[in-house]
């Protein structure tokens, strides 16, 4: 089970064009995670 946040990115020619992350929840929300992503305008 994921215990710490994880973040990922894709880089093209030195510029980040895509990113995503997952942040696990704890306590009463154990086993649940927040997932998000970002996509650059040009892509």
PDB file of N, CA and C in Angstrom:
ATOM      1  N   UNK A   1       0.852  -1.183   0.000  1.00  0.00           N
ATOM      2  CA  UNK A   1       0.000   0.000   0.000  1.00  0.00           C
ATOM      3  C   UNK A   1       0.895   1.242   0.000  1.00  0.00           C
ATOM      4  N   UNK A   2       0.550   2.211  -0.786  1.00  0.00           N
ATOM      5  CA  UNK A   2       1.280   3.469  -0.891  1.00  0.00           C
ATOM      6  C   UNK A   2       1.159   4.255   0.408  1.00  0.00           C
ATOM      7  N   UNK A   3       2.289   4.696   0.971  1.00  0.00           N
ATOM      8  CA  UNK A   3       2.263   5.421   2.239  1.00  0.00           C
ATOM      9  C   UNK A   3       2.684   6.880   2.115  1.00  0.00           C
ATOM     10  N   UNK A   4       3.396   7.227   1.049  1.00  0.00           N
ATOM     11  CA  UNK A   4       3.831   8.611   0.859  1.00  0.00           C
ATOM     12  C   UNK A   4       3.364   9.099  -0.511  1.00  0.00           C
ATOM     13  N   UNK A   5       3.196  10.408  -0.688  1.00  0.00           N
ATOM     14  CA  UNK A   5       2.783  10.932  -1.987  1.00  0.00           C
ATOM     15  C   UNK A   5       3.811  10.602  -3.073  1.00  0.00           C
ATOM     16  N   UNK A   6       3.348  10.380  -4.275  1.00  0.00           N
ATOM     17  CA  UNK A   6       4.201  10.128  -5.438  1.00  0.00           C
ATOM     18  C   UNK A   6       3.814  11.111  -6.530  1.00  0.00           C
ATOM     19  N   UNK A   7       4.821  11.694  -7.180  1.00  0.00           N
ATOM     20  CA  UNK A   7       4.575  12.653  -8.248  1.00  0.00           C
ATOM     21  C   UNK A   7       5.421  12.279  -9.455  1.00  0.00           C
ATOM     22  N   UNK A   8       4.867  12.439 -10.637  1.00  0.00           N
ATOM     23  CA  UNK A   8       5.526  12.067 -11.885  1.00  0.00           C
ATOM     24  C   UNK A   8       5.404  13.210 -12.884  1.00  0.00           C
ATOM     25  N   UNK A   9       6.386  13.303 -13.796  1.00  0.00           N
ATOM     26  CA  UNK A   9       6.350  14.345 -14.827  1.00  0.00           C
ATOM     27  C   UNK A   9       6.953  13.809 -16.118  1.00  0.00           C
ATOM     28  N   UNK A  10       6.498  14.369 -17.233  1.00  0.00           N
ATOM     29  CA  UNK A  10       7.094  14.097 -18.541  1.00  0.00           C
ATOM     30  C   UNK A  10       7.679  15.409 -19.033  1.00  0.00           C
ATOM     31  N   UNK A  11       8.919  15.331 -19.465  1.00  0.00           N
ATOM     32  CA  UNK A  11       9.655  16.512 -19.916  1.00  0.00           C
ATOM     33  C   UNK A  11       9.969  16.364 -21.405  1.00  0.00           C
ATOM     34  N   UNK A  12       9.755  17.432 -22.167  1.00  0.00           N
ATOM     35  CA  UNK A  12      10.076  17.454 -23.592  1.00  0.00           C
ATOM     36  C   UNK A  12      10.941  18.682 -23.850  1.00  0.00           C
ATOM     37  N   UNK A  13      12.136  18.472 -24.338  1.00  0.00           N
ATOM     38  CA  UNK A  13      13.076  19.559 -24.630  1.00  0.00           C
ATOM     39  C   UNK A  13      13.272  20.490 -23.429  1.00  0.00           C
ATOM     40  N   UNK A  14      13.372  19.929 -22.240  1.00  0.00           N
ATOM     41  CA  UNK A  14      13.636  20.715 -21.039  1.00  0.00           C
ATOM     42  C   UNK A  14      12.425  21.399 -20.434  1.00  0.00           C
ATOM     43  N   UNK A  15      11.218  21.128 -20.959  1.00  0.00           N
ATOM     44  CA  UNK A  15       9.995  21.755 -20.455  1.00  0.00           C
ATOM     45  C   UNK A  15       9.047  20.654 -19.970  1.00  0.00           C
ATOM     46  N   UNK A  16       8.517  20.823 -18.771  1.00  0.00           N
ATOM     47  CA  UNK A  16       7.552  19.854 -18.266  1.00  0.00           C
ATOM     48  C   UNK A  16       6.223  20.062 -18.987  1.00  0.00           C
ATOM     49  N   UNK A  17       5.721  18.995 -19.633  1.00  0.00           N
ATOM     50  CA  UNK A  17       4.487  19.095 -20.408  1.00  0.00           C
ATOM     51  C   UNK A  17       3.329  18.309 -19.796  1.00  0.00           C
ATOM     52  N   UNK A  18       3.628  17.455 -18.814  1.00  0.00           N
ATOM     53  CA  UNK A  18       2.593  16.649 -18.187  1.00  0.00           C
ATOM     54  C   UNK A  18       3.044  16.275 -16.791  1.00  0.00           C
ATOM     55  N   UNK A  19       2.115  16.263 -15.862  1.00  0.00           N
ATOM     56  CA  UNK A  19       2.431  15.845 -14.508  1.00  0.00           C
ATOM     57  C   UNK A  19       1.251  15.154 -13.866  1.00  0.00           C
ATOM     58  N   UNK A  20       1.540  14.266 -12.935  1.00  0.00           N
ATOM     59  CA  UNK A  20       0.486  13.554 -12.217  1.00  0.00           C
ATOM     60  C   UNK A  20       0.986  13.221 -10.824  1.00  0.00           C
ATOM     61  N   UNK A  21       0.050  13.032  -9.926  1.00  0.00           N
ATOM     62  CA  UNK A  21       0.422  12.680  -8.568  1.00  0.00           C
ATOM     63  C   UNK A  21      -0.666  11.889  -7.881  1.00  0.00           C
ATOM     64  N   UNK A  22      -0.257  11.164  -6.848  1.00  0.00           N
ATOM     65  CA  UNK A  22      -1.190  10.413  -6.022  1.00  0.00           C
ATOM     66  C   UNK A  22      -0.801  10.627  -4.567  1.00  0.00           C
ATOM     67  N   UNK A  23      -1.781  10.996  -3.766  1.00  0.00           N
ATOM     68  CA  UNK A  23      -1.537  11.288  -2.357  1.00  0.00           C
ATOM     69  C   UNK A  23      -2.456  10.411  -1.503  1.00  0.00           C
ATOM     70  N   UNK A  24      -1.865   9.430  -0.809  1.00  0.00           N
ATOM     71  CA  UNK A  24      -2.693   8.551   0.003  1.00  0.00           C
ATOM     72  C   UNK A  24      -3.290   9.280   1.200  1.00  0.00           C
ATOM     73  N   UNK A  25      -4.477   8.884   1.606  1.00  0.00           N
ATOM     74  CA  UNK A  25      -5.144   9.440   2.783  1.00  0.00           C
ATOM     75  C   UNK A  25      -4.883   8.505   3.958  1.00  0.00           C
ATOM     76  N   UNK A  26      -5.156   8.944   5.162  1.00  0.00           N
ATOM     77  CA  UNK A  26      -4.929   8.088   6.326  1.00  0.00           C
ATOM     78  C   UNK A  26      -6.114   8.164   7.288  1.00  0.00           C
ATOM     79  N   UNK A  27      -5.939   7.611   8.457  1.00  0.00           N
ATOM     80  CA  UNK A  27      -6.978   7.563   9.489  1.00  0.00           C
ATOM     81  C   UNK A  27      -8.260   6.933   8.958  1.00  0.00           C
ATOM     82  N   UNK A  28      -9.366   7.658   8.997  1.00  0.00           N
ATOM     83  CA  UNK A  28     -10.657   7.093   8.595  1.00  0.00           C
ATOM     84  C   UNK A  28     -10.755   6.873   7.088  1.00  0.00           C
ATOM     85  N   UNK A  29      -9.843   7.470   6.316  1.00  0.00           N
ATOM     86  CA  UNK A  29      -9.867   7.319   4.857  1.00  0.00           C
ATOM     87  C   UNK A  29      -8.729   6.419   4.367  1.00  0.00           C
ATOM     88  N   UNK A  30      -8.227   5.551   5.233  1.00  0.00           N
ATOM     89  CA  UNK A  30      -7.128   4.650   4.853  1.00  0.00           C
ATOM     90  C   UNK A  30      -7.574   3.788   3.665  1.00  0.00           C
ATOM     91  N   UNK A  31      -6.694   3.612   2.703  1.00  0.00           N
ATOM     92  CA  UNK A  31      -7.018   2.862   1.494  1.00  0.00           C
ATOM     93  C   UNK A  31      -7.593   3.731   0.395  1.00  0.00           C
ATOM     94  N   UNK A  32      -7.691   5.052   0.644  1.00  0.00           N
ATOM     95  CA  UNK A  32      -8.213   6.010  -0.326  1.00  0.00           C
ATOM     96  C   UNK A  32      -7.081   6.961  -0.697  1.00  0.00           C
ATOM     97  N   UNK A  33      -7.060   7.439  -1.937  1.00  0.00           N
ATOM     98  CA  UNK A  33      -6.018   8.376  -2.372  1.00  0.00           C
ATOM     99  C   UNK A  33      -6.625   9.466  -3.247  1.00  0.00           C
ATOM    100  N   UNK A  34      -5.975  10.618  -3.230  1.00  0.00           N
ATOM    101  CA  UNK A  34      -6.337  11.716  -4.126  1.00  0.00           C
ATOM    102  C   UNK A  34      -5.406  11.611  -5.336  1.00  0.00           C
ATOM    103  N   UNK A  35      -5.986  11.639  -6.537  1.00  0.00           N
ATOM    104  CA  UNK A  35      -5.215  11.542  -7.769  1.00  0.00           C
ATOM    105  C   UNK A  35      -5.445  12.814  -8.568  1.00  0.00           C
ATOM    106  N   UNK A  36      -4.375  13.386  -9.118  1.00  0.00           N
ATOM    107  CA  UNK A  36      -4.515  14.581  -9.929  1.00  0.00           C
ATOM    108  C   UNK A  36      -3.548  14.556 -11.099  1.00  0.00           C
ATOM    109  N   UNK A  37      -3.823  15.376 -12.119  1.00  0.00           N
ATOM    110  CA  UNK A  37      -2.915  15.460 -13.260  1.00  0.00           C
ATOM    111  C   UNK A  37      -2.926  16.875 -13.821  1.00  0.00           C
ATOM    112  N   UNK A  38      -1.930  17.175 -14.625  1.00  0.00           N
ATOM    113  CA  UNK A  38      -1.787  18.471 -15.254  1.00  0.00           C
ATOM    114  C   UNK A  38      -1.249  18.252 -16.656  1.00  0.00           C
ATOM    115  N   UNK A  39      -1.770  18.975 -17.626  1.00  0.00           N
ATOM    116  CA  UNK A  39      -1.328  18.872 -19.013  1.00  0.00           C
ATOM    117  C   UNK A  39      -1.079  20.277 -19.540  1.00  0.00           C
ATOM    118  N   UNK A  40       0.116  20.508 -20.106  1.00  0.00           N
ATOM    119  CA  UNK A  40       0.460  21.825 -20.623  1.00  0.00           C
ATOM    120  C   UNK A  40      -0.446  22.241 -21.781  1.00  0.00           C
ATOM    121  N   UNK A  41      -0.695  23.533 -21.932  1.00  0.00           N
ATOM    122  CA  UNK A  41      -1.583  24.049 -22.980  1.00  0.00           C
ATOM    123  C   UNK A  41      -1.167  23.620 -24.385  1.00  0.00           C
ATOM    124  N   UNK A  42       0.128  23.637 -24.628  1.00  0.00           N
ATOM    125  CA  UNK A  42       0.616  23.315 -25.984  1.00  0.00           C
ATOM    126  C   UNK A  42       0.478  21.838 -26.326  1.00  0.00           C
ATOM    127  N   UNK A  43       0.142  21.017 -25.367  1.00  0.00           N
ATOM    128  CA  UNK A  43       0.093  19.569 -25.624  1.00  0.00           C
ATOM    129  C   UNK A  43      -1.283  19.039 -25.354  1.00  0.00           C
TER     130      UNK A  43
END
